[in-house]
Amino acid sequence: MSRIVFTSSIFAVALLLFTGCAPKVSKITLGDYYPKVYASNTKSILVLPAKNTTTSVDATDHFRYTITKPLAEKGYYVYPVHLVDSFFKSENLSDTNIIHSIPVSKLKDIFAPDAILYVDINAWDTGYTVMDSHVDVGLSFSLIDAKTEEELWQSNAYAYSYEGLDGNNGLAGLIISAITTALNTATDYTKLAGVANNAGVSLLPAGRYNPLYKKDKDLALTFLDIAKLDGSRLYVDEYFIYGNKQEGKVALTINRRAKGYFAFPVTDMNWFAHNGYSNYYITQEIKGKKYLRNRFFLYENNRPFLLAEGKKVFVQTETDGTIPFSEEGGRFYFNIEKIIELKSPESKS
């Protein structure tokens, strides 16, 4: 039976096993993490058809079928996607590039939402080998305030399905695996898209129609310190970029090559050890403009940052959005643009 697994908790254990030492953590409240969401008082969200940059012609539909539920469960009114799609169709608008370029003010006049959700599908890939098969899904989210046109919230999510041998079963196992791989064309893509959508909005603050509305502002979040400060520079270790070398192309989990459906938001280090996404950068189109974003970083106001020692550490970028770095002794160093001190949740009254 397929399983849905969010790997943030098990990866802390796995990292301990991998590095041989207890990882340091940063603590932050959800209110400090996404302050603009709380200031906006967003109640309703218009979800635009996702821009699909992959070769899968059905990816957009799978996304649309599964995005409403996690947003509604968060407490937001979501404009019915079939009605939204019908409107665009009645206006002869089927190209998502054109839809994403419609001015926010125009969308606000038509639908009157509090916020607009832009989504790019940047991975929807299927891979087969004699030993296994897998499907990878990658999504990028950007929530825009319909009144101010500022970005309130941004998130990336990655999900995959895996089917293959659990161990070394000899020639018979290879034959069985080959047959299983050949027959593994019935992946539930809608379910997989739902896993990615759930992961993507997992840390979105609760909306007006959720009992936790405004109450989750002081919710304490704990993140592994995957980045470290070294004077005027920020650095990450080699495994941050290349993932767990012992497992190769299979994401690091306690069950190793566990079958089923898995997902991890950007706040989870497991995404670095993913079995795909060799391209560090993804292009996200918001309000008709394209933004280059590095999948290893979090973003605020289109500026990349990582959490380190209880601080938001923003790094310098080139004019095209790329992030310059230098490599020294297995570490990757980034120049710091600014540091925002964060109060530990324990110190707040």
Protein backbone atom coordinates (compact mmCIF):
# COMPACT_ATOMS: atom_id res chain seq x y z
CA MET A 1 0.00 0.00 0.00
CA SER A 2 1.28 3.47 -0.83
CA ARG A 3 2.21 5.70 2.04
CA ILE A 4 2.47 9.45 2.46
CA VAL A 5 5.52 10.46 4.45
CA PHE A 6 6.73 13.89 5.53
CA THR A 7 10.39 13.45 6.36
CA SER A 8 11.26 16.48 8.49
CA SER A 9 11.39 14.55 11.76
CA ILE A 10 13.15 11.41 10.58
CA PHE A 11 15.82 13.36 8.76
CA ALA A 12 17.10 14.86 12.00
CA VAL A 13 17.79 11.29 13.13
CA ALA A 14 19.28 10.36 9.77
CA LEU A 15 21.55 13.40 9.78
CA LEU A 16 22.81 12.40 13.21
CA LEU A 17 23.70 8.97 11.85
CA PHE A 18 25.28 10.43 8.73
CA THR A 19 27.41 13.16 10.30
CA GLY A 20 28.13 11.45 13.60
CA CYS A 21 27.20 14.51 15.65
CA ALA A 22 24.07 16.20 16.88
CA PRO A 23 23.00 18.95 14.45
CA LYS A 24 22.51 22.51 15.69
CA VAL A 25 19.09 24.03 15.28
CA SER A 26 17.48 27.44 14.90
CA LYS A 27 14.13 28.21 16.47
CA ILE A 28 11.71 30.73 15.03
CA THR A 29 8.02 31.48 15.39
CA LEU A 30 5.68 31.15 12.45
CA GLY A 31 4.90 34.85 12.87
CA ASP A 32 8.57 35.76 12.37
CA TYR A 33 8.86 33.34 9.51
CA TYR A 34 5.94 34.73 7.50
CA PRO A 35 5.15 38.18 8.98
CA LYS A 36 3.47 39.52 5.85
CA VAL A 37 0.83 36.77 5.83
CA TYR A 38 -0.35 37.83 9.29
CA ALA A 39 -0.31 41.51 8.38
CA SER A 40 -2.38 40.90 5.23
CA ASN A 41 -5.40 39.23 6.90
CA THR A 42 -5.88 37.12 3.78
CA LYS A 43 -9.22 35.32 3.69
CA SER A 44 -9.69 34.33 0.04
CA ILE A 45 -7.22 32.96 -2.51
CA LEU A 46 -7.49 32.86 -6.28
CA VAL A 47 -5.39 29.99 -7.62
CA LEU A 48 -4.29 30.62 -11.20
CA PRO A 49 -3.73 27.68 -13.55
CA ALA A 50 -0.21 26.44 -12.92
CA LYS A 51 2.49 27.25 -15.44
CA ASN A 52 3.83 23.92 -16.63
CA THR A 53 7.47 23.97 -17.74
CA THR A 54 7.71 20.19 -18.04
CA THR A 55 6.92 17.78 -20.86
CA SER A 56 3.94 16.25 -19.04
CA VAL A 57 0.75 17.47 -20.69
CA ASP A 58 -1.40 16.33 -17.74
CA ALA A 59 0.66 17.90 -14.94
CA THR A 60 -1.46 21.05 -14.71
CA ASP A 61 -4.70 19.07 -14.35
CA HIS A 62 -3.25 16.88 -11.59
CA PHE A 63 -2.16 19.99 -9.74
CA ARG A 64 -5.56 21.68 -10.13
CA TYR A 65 -7.44 18.63 -8.83
CA THR A 66 -5.51 18.62 -5.56
CA ILE A 67 -4.63 22.21 -4.59
CA THR A 68 -8.01 23.29 -3.18
CA LYS A 69 -8.18 20.81 -0.29
CA PRO A 70 -4.92 21.70 1.53
CA LEU A 71 -5.63 25.44 1.19
CA ALA A 72 -9.21 25.03 2.41
CA GLU A 73 -8.03 22.91 5.33
CA LYS A 74 -5.67 25.74 6.21
CA GLY A 75 -8.74 27.96 6.56
CA TYR A 76 -8.85 29.90 3.29
CA TYR A 77 -11.73 30.36 0.88
CA VAL A 78 -10.44 29.07 -2.45
CA TYR A 79 -12.19 30.20 -5.60
CA PRO A 80 -13.56 27.03 -7.28
CA VAL A 81 -10.94 26.09 -9.83
CA HIS A 82 -13.47 24.78 -12.35
CA LEU A 83 -15.30 28.12 -12.33
CA VAL A 84 -12.04 30.03 -12.65
CA ASP A 85 -10.96 27.82 -15.53
CA SER A 86 -14.36 28.23 -17.19
CA PHE A 87 -14.03 32.00 -17.00
CA PHE A 88 -10.62 32.01 -18.65
CA LYS A 89 -11.90 29.61 -21.29
CA SER A 90 -14.86 31.91 -22.01
CA GLU A 91 -12.33 34.70 -22.56
CA ASN A 92 -10.31 32.48 -24.92
CA LEU A 93 -7.45 32.41 -22.45
CA SER A 94 -5.83 28.99 -22.35
CA ASP A 95 -2.14 29.91 -22.39
CA THR A 96 -0.86 30.01 -18.79
CA ASN A 97 1.90 32.41 -19.83
CA ILE A 98 -0.75 34.93 -20.81
CA ILE A 99 -2.85 34.25 -17.71
CA HIS A 100 0.17 34.73 -15.43
CA SER A 101 0.91 38.04 -17.15
CA ILE A 102 -2.55 39.50 -16.45
CA PRO A 103 -2.08 42.51 -14.13
CA VAL A 104 -2.92 41.80 -10.50
CA SER A 105 -5.19 44.83 -10.47
CA LYS A 106 -7.22 43.33 -13.32
CA LEU A 107 -7.59 39.99 -11.56
CA LYS A 108 -8.65 41.83 -8.43
CA ASP A 109 -11.34 43.72 -10.37
CA ILE A 110 -12.69 40.49 -11.87
CA PHE A 111 -12.53 38.07 -8.92
CA ALA A 112 -12.00 40.34 -5.86
CA PRO A 113 -9.65 37.94 -4.04
CA ASP A 114 -7.49 38.90 -1.08
CA ALA A 115 -4.51 37.09 -2.59
CA ILE A 116 -3.49 35.33 -5.79
CA LEU A 117 -1.50 32.10 -5.87
CA TYR A 118 0.98 31.61 -8.70
CA VAL A 119 2.37 28.12 -9.16
CA ASP A 120 5.07 26.81 -11.49
CA ILE A 121 5.43 23.09 -12.15
CA ASN A 122 9.16 22.74 -12.68
CA ALA A 123 9.53 18.96 -12.54
CA TRP A 124 7.30 16.06 -13.52
CA ASP A 125 9.65 13.32 -14.54
CA THR A 126 9.48 9.54 -14.73
CA GLY A 127 12.60 7.39 -14.58
CA TYR A 128 13.05 3.66 -15.10
CA THR A 129 15.92 1.28 -14.45
CA VAL A 130 16.11 -2.50 -14.14
CA MET A 131 16.07 -2.16 -10.38
CA ASP A 132 13.48 0.54 -9.80
CA SER A 133 11.21 3.23 -11.14
CA HIS A 134 10.31 6.63 -9.79
CA VAL A 135 8.26 9.72 -10.54
CA ASP A 136 9.43 13.17 -9.43
CA VAL A 137 7.24 16.24 -8.96
CA GLY A 138 8.50 19.75 -8.23
CA LEU A 139 6.31 22.79 -7.51
CA SER A 140 7.02 26.45 -6.73
CA PHE A 141 4.42 28.61 -4.99
CA SER A 142 4.11 32.39 -4.66
CA LEU A 143 1.21 34.10 -2.85
CA ILE A 144 0.68 37.72 -3.92
CA ASP A 145 -1.36 40.30 -2.02
CA ALA A 146 -4.07 41.47 -4.44
CA LYS A 147 -4.09 44.96 -2.91
CA THR A 148 -0.39 45.77 -2.47
CA GLU A 149 0.90 43.29 -5.09
CA GLU A 150 3.65 42.26 -2.66
CA GLU A 151 4.71 38.65 -2.23
CA LEU A 152 3.31 37.40 1.08
CA TRP A 153 4.63 33.87 1.04
CA GLN A 154 6.85 31.66 -1.10
CA SER A 155 7.49 27.95 -0.99
CA ASN A 156 8.97 25.11 -3.00
CA ALA A 157 7.91 21.50 -2.67
CA TYR A 158 9.24 18.24 -4.06
CA ALA A 159 7.59 14.85 -4.03
CA TYR A 160 8.39 11.49 -5.51
CA SER A 161 7.06 7.97 -5.80
CA TYR A 162 9.42 5.05 -5.60
CA GLU A 163 8.96 1.42 -6.54
CA GLY A 164 11.79 -1.10 -6.48
CA LEU A 165 13.57 -3.87 -4.62
CA ASP A 166 13.90 -3.57 -0.86
CA GLY A 167 17.05 -5.69 -0.75
CA ASN A 168 19.38 -7.97 -2.67
CA ASN A 169 17.22 -10.87 -3.80
CA GLY A 170 19.50 -12.31 -6.46
CA LEU A 171 18.54 -13.15 -10.03
CA ALA A 172 14.92 -13.93 -9.12
CA GLY A 173 14.66 -10.56 -7.47
CA LEU A 174 16.09 -8.86 -10.54
CA ILE A 175 13.54 -10.57 -12.76
CA ILE A 176 10.68 -9.64 -10.44
CA SER A 177 11.95 -6.08 -10.24
CA ALA A 178 12.21 -5.81 -14.00
CA ILE A 179 8.63 -6.99 -14.35
CA THR A 180 7.47 -4.63 -11.61
CA THR A 181 9.25 -1.71 -13.23
CA ALA A 182 7.76 -2.51 -16.60
CA LEU A 183 4.28 -2.63 -15.10
CA ASN A 184 4.74 0.43 -12.93
CA THR A 185 2.91 2.76 -15.26
CA ALA A 186 -0.10 3.10 -12.98
CA THR A 187 1.36 5.66 -10.60
CA ASP A 188 -1.43 7.71 -9.09
CA TYR A 189 -0.25 11.07 -10.40
CA THR A 190 -3.16 12.92 -8.83
CA LYS A 191 -2.25 11.49 -5.44
CA LEU A 192 1.41 12.35 -5.98
CA ALA A 193 0.47 15.92 -6.93
CA GLY A 194 -1.62 16.08 -3.75
CA VAL A 195 1.39 15.01 -1.69
CA ALA A 196 3.45 17.81 -3.26
CA ASN A 197 0.69 20.37 -2.69
CA ASN A 198 0.32 19.35 0.95
CA ALA A 199 4.07 19.68 1.46
CA GLY A 200 4.14 23.04 -0.28
CA VAL A 201 1.51 24.67 1.96
CA SER A 202 2.47 22.80 5.14
CA LEU A 203 3.83 25.95 6.84
CA LEU A 204 1.37 28.46 5.43
CA PRO A 205 -0.22 30.22 8.44
CA ALA A 206 -3.84 29.37 9.20
CA GLY A 207 -6.53 31.38 7.44
CA ARG A 208 -9.65 33.09 8.75
CA TYR A 209 -11.77 29.93 8.65
CA ASN A 210 -9.38 27.83 10.70
CA PRO A 211 -9.60 27.73 14.54
CA LEU A 212 -5.85 28.45 14.66
CA TYR A 213 -6.24 31.76 12.81
CA LYS A 214 -3.78 34.25 14.34
CA LYS A 215 -3.26 31.79 17.21
CA ASP A 216 -0.47 29.96 15.37
CA LYS A 217 1.60 33.14 15.19
CA ASP A 218 3.65 32.09 18.22
CA LEU A 219 4.00 28.50 17.07
CA ALA A 220 7.64 27.53 17.58
CA LEU A 221 9.38 26.02 14.56
CA THR A 222 12.69 24.20 14.76
CA PHE A 223 15.01 24.00 11.77
CA LEU A 224 18.29 22.19 11.34
CA ASP A 225 21.16 24.65 10.91
CA ILE A 226 22.26 23.50 7.49
CA ALA A 227 24.18 26.76 7.09
CA LYS A 228 26.84 28.21 9.38
CA LEU A 229 28.39 31.63 9.89
CA ASP A 230 32.11 32.19 9.42
CA GLY A 231 32.92 35.85 9.98
CA SER A 232 31.46 37.85 7.12
CA ARG A 233 30.52 34.77 5.12
CA LEU A 234 27.93 32.00 5.24
CA TYR A 235 28.86 28.45 4.34
CA VAL A 236 27.30 25.04 3.85
CA ASP A 237 29.05 21.68 3.87
CA GLU A 238 29.56 19.57 0.79
CA TYR A 239 26.67 17.21 1.57
CA PHE A 240 24.33 20.21 1.39
CA ILE A 241 24.94 20.39 -2.36
CA TYR A 242 25.53 16.78 -3.29
CA GLY A 243 23.27 14.94 -0.88
CA ASN A 244 23.99 11.68 0.87
CA LYS A 245 26.61 9.86 -1.17
CA GLN A 246 25.88 6.51 0.48
CA GLU A 247 22.38 6.36 -0.93
CA GLY A 248 23.21 7.86 -4.30
CA LYS A 249 20.10 8.80 -6.21
CA VAL A 250 17.65 7.58 -3.60
CA ALA A 251 16.51 10.12 -1.03
CA LEU A 252 17.79 9.52 2.48
CA THR A 253 15.14 7.95 4.71
CA ILE A 254 15.19 5.70 7.75
CA ASN A 255 13.74 2.90 5.64
CA ARG A 256 16.30 3.57 2.93
CA ARG A 257 14.62 2.58 -0.33
CA ALA A 258 11.14 2.67 1.11
CA LYS A 259 8.32 2.27 -1.37
CA GLY A 260 5.49 4.74 -1.60
CA TYR A 261 4.86 8.46 -1.94
CA PHE A 262 7.11 10.96 -0.19
CA ALA A 263 7.25 14.72 0.06
CA PHE A 264 9.41 17.35 1.69
CA PRO A 265 9.06 21.14 1.86
CA VAL A 266 12.11 23.37 1.59
CA THR A 267 12.44 23.50 5.36
CA ASP A 268 13.55 19.86 5.30
CA MET A 269 17.12 18.94 4.42
CA ASN A 270 15.94 15.74 2.78
CA TRP A 271 15.18 17.66 -0.37
CA PHE A 272 18.92 18.19 -0.92
CA ALA A 273 19.41 14.43 -1.17
CA HIS A 274 16.64 14.05 -3.69
CA ASN A 275 17.03 11.73 -6.64
CA GLY A 276 16.60 14.43 -9.27
CA TYR A 277 16.81 18.17 -9.84
CA SER A 278 20.40 18.40 -11.03
CA ASN A 279 19.70 21.99 -12.03
CA TYR A 280 20.14 24.17 -8.95
CA TYR A 281 17.98 26.96 -10.36
CA ILE A 282 14.33 27.17 -11.27
CA THR A 283 12.55 30.03 -13.00
CA GLN A 284 9.31 31.19 -11.44
CA GLU A 285 6.98 33.56 -13.25
CA ILE A 286 5.02 35.96 -11.07
CA LYS A 287 2.90 38.88 -12.26
CA GLY A 288 4.30 38.45 -15.76
CA LYS A 289 7.92 38.70 -14.56
CA LYS A 290 10.41 35.86 -14.39
CA TYR A 291 12.51 35.26 -11.29
CA LEU A 292 15.49 32.94 -11.06
CA ARG A 293 15.50 31.12 -7.76
CA ASN A 294 17.93 28.63 -6.29
CA ARG A 295 16.13 25.57 -5.03
CA PHE A 296 18.46 25.23 -2.03
CA PHE A 297 17.49 28.62 -0.58
CA LEU A 298 14.45 30.16 1.04
CA TYR A 299 13.25 33.51 -0.32
CA GLU A 300 11.76 36.68 1.11
CA ASN A 301 11.02 39.67 -1.13
CA ASN A 302 12.84 37.72 -3.83
CA ARG A 303 16.03 37.75 -1.74
CA PRO A 304 17.60 34.36 -0.86
CA PHE A 305 18.32 33.47 2.74
CA LEU A 306 19.09 30.54 5.02
CA LEU A 307 18.58 30.18 8.75
CA ALA A 308 21.74 29.99 10.84
CA GLU A 309 22.25 30.38 14.59
CA GLY A 310 18.75 31.74 15.05
CA LYS A 311 19.20 34.38 12.34
CA LYS A 312 17.88 35.00 8.85
CA VAL A 313 21.04 35.33 6.78
CA PHE A 314 20.49 36.89 3.35
CA VAL A 315 23.20 36.30 0.74
CA GLN A 316 24.32 38.43 -2.16
CA THR A 317 23.10 37.72 -5.68
CA GLU A 318 24.11 38.73 -9.18
CA THR A 319 21.80 40.94 -11.23
CA ASP A 320 20.41 37.87 -13.01
CA GLY A 321 19.47 36.19 -9.72
CA THR A 322 22.34 33.70 -9.55
CA ILE A 323 24.14 33.32 -6.22
CA PRO A 324 27.94 33.56 -6.38
CA PHE A 325 29.91 31.17 -4.18
CA SER A 326 33.40 29.85 -3.64
CA GLU A 327 34.45 26.33 -2.71
CA GLU A 328 37.11 25.78 -0.07
CA GLY A 329 37.92 22.41 1.45
CA GLY A 330 34.53 20.83 0.85
CA ARG A 331 32.62 23.91 1.96
CA PHE A 332 30.64 26.33 -0.17
CA TYR A 333 30.90 29.96 0.92
CA PHE A 334 28.42 32.77 0.16
CA ASN A 335 28.79 36.52 0.73
CA ILE A 336 26.34 37.96 3.25
CA GLU A 337 24.04 40.81 2.27
CA LYS A 338 22.34 41.31 5.63
CA ILE A 339 21.44 39.48 8.82
CA ILE A 340 18.15 39.73 10.66
CA GLU A 341 18.27 38.71 14.31
CA LEU A 342 15.36 36.55 15.41
CA LYS A 343 14.10 36.23 18.95
CA SER A 344 13.96 32.70 20.22
CA PRO A 345 10.37 31.57 20.88
CA GLU A 346 11.32 30.84 24.51
CA SER A 347 12.33 34.48 25.04
CA LYS A 348 9.00 35.92 23.91
CA SER A 349 6.50 36.94 26.54
